[in-house]
Protein backbone atom coordinates (compact mmCIF):
# COMPACT_ATOMS: atom_id res chain seq x y z
CA MET A 1 23.38 -1.60 11.24
CA VAL A 2 24.04 -5.21 12.75
CA PHE A 3 21.10 -4.96 15.10
CA LYS A 4 18.80 -3.88 12.09
CA ARG A 5 20.05 -6.85 10.03
CA LEU A 6 19.28 -9.21 13.10
CA LYS A 7 15.73 -7.67 13.27
CA GLN A 8 15.32 -8.39 9.55
CA ARG A 9 16.42 -12.04 9.81
CA TYR A 10 14.17 -12.53 12.79
CA ARG A 11 11.07 -11.18 10.75
CA HIS A 12 11.99 -13.38 7.77
CA ARG A 13 12.38 -16.40 9.94
CA GLN A 14 8.94 -15.72 11.60
CA LEU A 15 7.42 -15.43 8.21
CA ARG A 16 8.99 -18.52 6.98
CA THR A 17 7.78 -20.42 10.01
CA HIS A 18 4.20 -19.56 9.18
CA GLY A 19 4.67 -20.42 5.48
CA ILE A 20 4.77 -16.91 4.31
CA VAL A 21 7.28 -17.20 1.65
CA VAL A 22 7.53 -16.32 -2.37
CA ASP A 23 5.00 -18.35 -4.15
CA VAL A 24 6.20 -17.55 -7.66
CA GLU A 25 9.58 -16.41 -9.00
CA LEU A 26 9.48 -13.47 -11.42
CA ILE A 27 11.73 -11.17 -13.17
CA SER A 28 10.94 -7.82 -11.36
CA VAL A 29 12.06 -4.32 -11.00
CA ALA A 30 12.08 -1.84 -7.96
CA TYR A 31 11.36 1.81 -7.94
CA GLY A 32 11.42 4.19 -5.10
CA ALA A 33 13.42 5.75 -2.25
CA ARG A 34 13.86 5.61 1.46
CA SER A 35 11.48 3.08 3.09
CA GLY A 36 9.10 3.67 -0.07
CA ILE A 37 10.76 1.04 -2.40
CA TRP A 38 8.36 -1.20 -4.20
CA THR A 39 8.81 -4.12 -6.61
CA ILE A 40 6.65 -4.82 -9.57
CA PHE A 41 6.31 -7.23 -12.44
CA PRO A 42 6.74 -4.98 -15.46
CA ASP A 43 5.93 -7.48 -18.21
CA VAL A 44 2.26 -7.08 -17.86
CA LEU A 45 2.20 -3.40 -17.93
CA LEU A 46 1.35 -1.02 -21.01
CA PRO A 47 1.25 2.74 -21.33
CA GLY A 48 -2.01 3.96 -19.84
CA SER A 49 -2.06 1.01 -17.39
CA VAL A 50 -4.02 2.13 -14.25
CA VAL A 51 -2.04 2.50 -10.82
CA TYR A 52 -3.52 3.44 -7.60
CA SER A 53 -1.17 4.46 -5.02
CA PHE A 54 -2.48 4.82 -1.35
CA GLY A 55 -0.65 6.63 1.31
CA VAL A 56 2.01 8.91 -0.56
CA GLY A 57 3.03 10.98 2.51
CA ASN A 58 5.94 13.09 1.03
CA ASN A 59 7.65 10.34 -0.86
CA ILE A 60 6.46 9.83 -4.57
CA GLU A 61 9.63 8.53 -5.85
CA TRP A 62 7.93 5.11 -6.85
CA ASP A 63 5.04 6.90 -8.30
CA LEU A 64 7.16 9.00 -10.46
CA GLY A 65 9.31 5.97 -11.47
CA MET A 66 6.10 4.09 -12.65
CA ILE A 67 5.29 7.03 -14.85
CA ARG A 68 8.57 7.62 -16.20
CA ASN A 69 9.32 3.89 -17.04
CA HIS A 70 6.15 2.55 -17.91
CA GLY A 71 3.86 5.72 -18.90
CA VAL A 72 0.99 4.58 -16.56
CA GLU A 73 -2.01 6.61 -15.45
CA LEU A 74 -1.19 7.03 -11.74
CA HIS A 75 -3.79 8.13 -9.11
CA ALA A 76 -2.25 8.99 -5.79
CA PHE A 77 -4.38 9.10 -2.48
CA ASP A 78 -3.51 10.62 0.70
CA PRO A 79 -6.09 12.59 2.96
CA THR A 80 -3.70 13.84 5.52
CA PRO A 81 -3.13 17.56 5.76
CA ARG A 82 0.78 17.48 5.58
CA SER A 83 0.71 15.35 2.48
CA VAL A 84 -1.84 17.45 0.72
CA GLU A 85 0.10 20.51 1.43
CA TRP A 86 3.33 18.84 0.41
CA ILE A 87 1.88 17.58 -3.00
CA ASP A 88 0.42 21.03 -3.63
CA GLN A 89 4.02 22.36 -3.64
CA GLN A 90 5.28 19.72 -6.18
CA SER A 91 5.68 20.07 -9.98
CA LEU A 92 4.07 16.82 -11.22
CA PRO A 93 3.70 15.18 -14.77
CA ASP A 94 0.12 15.17 -16.26
CA GLU A 95 -0.04 11.52 -15.61
CA PHE A 96 0.12 12.07 -11.90
CA HIS A 97 -3.57 12.69 -10.49
CA PHE A 98 -3.79 13.33 -6.80
CA HIS A 99 -6.83 12.74 -4.56
CA PRO A 100 -6.98 13.95 -0.97
CA ILE A 101 -8.85 10.80 0.03
CA GLY A 102 -7.72 7.72 2.20
CA LEU A 103 -8.68 4.08 1.80
CA SER A 104 -10.86 2.41 4.27
CA ASP A 105 -13.68 -0.04 4.77
CA THR A 106 -16.19 2.74 4.98
CA ASP A 107 -17.28 5.89 3.22
CA GLY A 108 -17.05 9.17 5.34
CA GLU A 109 -14.88 10.86 7.76
CA GLN A 110 -12.30 9.03 9.98
CA ASN A 111 -10.05 10.44 12.65
CA PHE A 112 -6.37 10.08 11.98
CA TYR A 113 -3.62 10.31 14.87
CA THR A 114 -1.29 13.23 14.06
CA PRO A 115 2.58 12.29 14.14
CA THR A 116 4.21 13.91 17.21
CA ARG A 117 7.03 15.07 15.11
CA GLU A 118 6.45 17.95 12.65
CA HIS A 119 8.47 16.44 9.88
CA LYS A 120 6.83 13.06 9.92
CA PHE A 121 3.87 12.10 7.44
CA ASN A 122 2.79 8.86 8.96
CA PHE A 123 -0.72 9.68 10.05
CA SER A 124 -2.66 6.64 11.28
CA TYR A 125 -6.10 6.07 12.03
CA TYR A 126 -5.24 2.41 13.26
CA ARG A 127 -3.10 3.33 16.22
CA ARG A 128 -6.03 3.64 18.57
CA GLY A 129 -5.72 4.27 22.16
CA LYS A 130 -2.73 6.76 22.09
CA ARG A 131 -2.94 8.80 25.08
CA GLY A 132 -2.80 12.62 24.42
CA ALA A 133 -2.43 12.16 20.69
CA LYS A 134 -4.05 14.95 18.48
CA MET A 135 -6.43 13.76 15.78
CA VAL A 136 -7.60 15.36 12.63
CA SER A 137 -10.70 14.25 10.48
CA CYS A 138 -10.08 13.07 7.01
CA THR A 139 -12.01 11.83 4.18
CA VAL A 140 -12.02 8.09 3.41
CA ASN A 141 -13.69 5.67 0.94
CA ARG A 142 -13.87 2.13 0.08
CA LEU A 143 -12.08 0.91 -3.10
CA GLY A 144 -15.30 0.19 -4.70
CA THR A 145 -16.53 3.71 -4.29
CA LEU A 146 -13.31 5.12 -5.62
CA LEU A 147 -13.55 2.98 -8.75
CA ALA A 148 -17.00 4.21 -9.37
CA MET A 149 -16.03 7.72 -8.91
CA LEU A 150 -13.11 7.61 -11.19
CA GLY A 151 -14.61 5.39 -13.81
CA HIS A 152 -12.20 2.41 -13.58
CA LYS A 153 -13.30 -1.29 -13.65
CA THR A 154 -9.78 -2.62 -13.09
CA ILE A 155 -6.59 -1.68 -11.41
CA ASP A 156 -3.29 -3.01 -13.01
CA VAL A 157 -1.27 -2.02 -9.78
CA LEU A 158 -2.48 -1.11 -6.37
CA LYS A 159 0.07 0.06 -3.95
CA MET A 160 -1.01 0.35 -0.34
CA ASP A 161 1.15 1.91 2.54
CA ILE A 162 -1.54 3.15 5.08
CA GLU A 163 -0.01 2.72 8.42
CA GLY A 164 -2.13 -0.37 9.60
CA GLY A 165 -5.18 0.57 7.69
CA GLU A 166 -4.54 -2.38 5.42
CA MET A 167 -5.92 -4.56 8.23
CA ASP A 168 -9.51 -2.93 7.53
CA ALA A 169 -9.24 -2.10 3.96
CA LEU A 170 -7.93 -5.57 2.65
CA PRO A 171 -10.90 -7.56 3.89
CA ASP A 172 -13.25 -5.16 2.53
CA ILE A 173 -11.59 -5.35 -0.99
CA LEU A 174 -11.46 -9.12 -0.91
CA SER A 175 -15.29 -9.31 0.08
CA THR A 176 -16.11 -7.82 -3.42
CA GLU A 177 -14.79 -8.68 -6.92
CA HIS A 178 -12.32 -6.06 -8.02
CA GLY A 179 -10.03 -6.60 -10.95
CA ILE A 180 -6.57 -6.01 -9.29
CA GLY A 181 -3.44 -7.34 -11.33
CA GLN A 182 -0.68 -6.48 -8.93
CA LEU A 183 -1.10 -5.73 -5.15
CA LEU A 184 1.80 -4.05 -3.26
CA VAL A 185 1.32 -3.71 0.52
CA GLU A 186 3.30 -2.52 3.55
CA PHE A 187 1.96 -4.95 6.45
CA HIS A 188 2.37 -3.23 9.80
CA TYR A 189 2.25 -6.49 11.71
CA ASN A 190 4.53 -5.06 14.30
CA ASP A 191 2.12 -2.52 15.46
CA PRO A 192 0.88 -3.26 18.94
CA ASN A 193 -2.68 -2.78 17.83
CA ILE A 194 -2.24 -5.58 15.21
CA SER A 195 -1.86 -9.14 16.03
CA PHE A 196 0.38 -11.36 13.95
CA LYS A 197 -2.62 -13.71 13.54
CA GLN A 198 -4.47 -11.01 11.92
CA PHE A 199 -1.69 -10.66 9.42
CA THR A 200 -1.39 -14.38 8.66
CA THR A 201 -5.34 -14.45 8.08
CA ILE A 202 -5.20 -11.82 5.67
CA ILE A 203 -2.20 -13.45 3.86
CA SER A 204 -4.24 -16.72 3.65
CA SER A 205 -7.42 -14.78 2.32
CA LEU A 206 -5.29 -13.14 -0.50
CA ARG A 207 -3.80 -16.52 -1.48
CA LYS A 208 -7.37 -18.11 -1.64
CA ARG A 209 -8.43 -15.27 -3.91
CA GLY A 210 -5.74 -15.90 -6.47
CA PHE A 211 -2.99 -13.49 -5.23
CA CYS A 212 0.53 -14.99 -5.27
CA ILE A 213 3.50 -13.56 -3.50
CA PHE A 214 6.43 -12.64 -5.78
CA HIS A 215 8.56 -10.50 -3.70
CA ILE A 216 9.13 -9.66 0.12
CA SER A 217 11.50 -6.98 0.98
CA GLU A 218 14.59 -7.09 2.72
CA ARG A 219 12.75 -5.40 5.88
CA GLY A 220 10.11 -7.98 5.80
CA TYR A 221 7.25 -5.44 5.54
CA GLU A 222 6.63 -4.75 1.93
CA PHE A 223 4.89 -7.51 -0.15
CA SER A 224 4.35 -7.79 -3.89
CA PHE A 225 1.43 -9.89 -5.02
CA ILE A 226 0.29 -10.82 -8.61
CA HIS A 227 -2.97 -12.23 -9.40
CA GLN A 228 -2.67 -15.82 -10.88
CA SER A 229 -4.90 -14.91 -13.87
CA LEU A 230 -1.86 -12.97 -15.15
CA LEU A 231 0.36 -15.99 -15.04
CA GLU A 232 -1.82 -18.32 -17.14
C-alpha cells in the first residue's frame, strides 16, 4: 500500500512538473468500481443525454450509475470477444445499448493482443511487438463513423478506456469538429510503447480545442475534461 501511494505521488508530481493540473474547479460526482471509477460534472446532464462509453470490458458499474442517476441514453462499445460474451450474459436496462465495435483512427479490422490470463479483459492493439502474444481481429471505427451510424450530432459525455488506443483515437477526434461536452480518458502514458511526450502533446491539443481538466484521479491516469462552451 505504501509503495502504491508513493507511485501515485510520483505520477502527480510528474504531471505538475509538465503543467498538467486541474484547470477549473467544479462540483463533481463519481461512479464506478475497481479501476473503473469516473468523475463527471452532473449539472449539465438531462434525462436522455447521450453518453458513449468506449472499452467496457467486464466492468459497467459507471455506465449503470450514469443511467440510474441521470437517465442518460448510454452506448457502450467493446469489440473484444471476452467482453462481448460477458455483456451477453448480463441483464441490462433499456437505456444501455451495446455495440461490439472499437474506437480507432480508422474504419475496418484491427488486431488486438489477447491478455495472457483468462480472467483479464484488457485487450489492446497498442501493445505492439509483444513476443508470442496471441491476437484477435476486431472491428473498429472512427468516432465520426459511429456518430453517423447512430444518428448523433453531439455527445454529452464520452468515456474512453481503450488500453493505449487513445493515442491514436484522440488526434483523429480532434482533427474534426465533434460536439463533445465532457471527455473522460484513462491515459496509459506508462505503457512502454507510449512516450510521455506523446501524452503531453495530446493534453496540449485538447486544451487548445477548448477542453479544460476538472479532475485527475488519485491514480493519476483518469482525466475528466469539460468543454469551455459549457462553462460560459
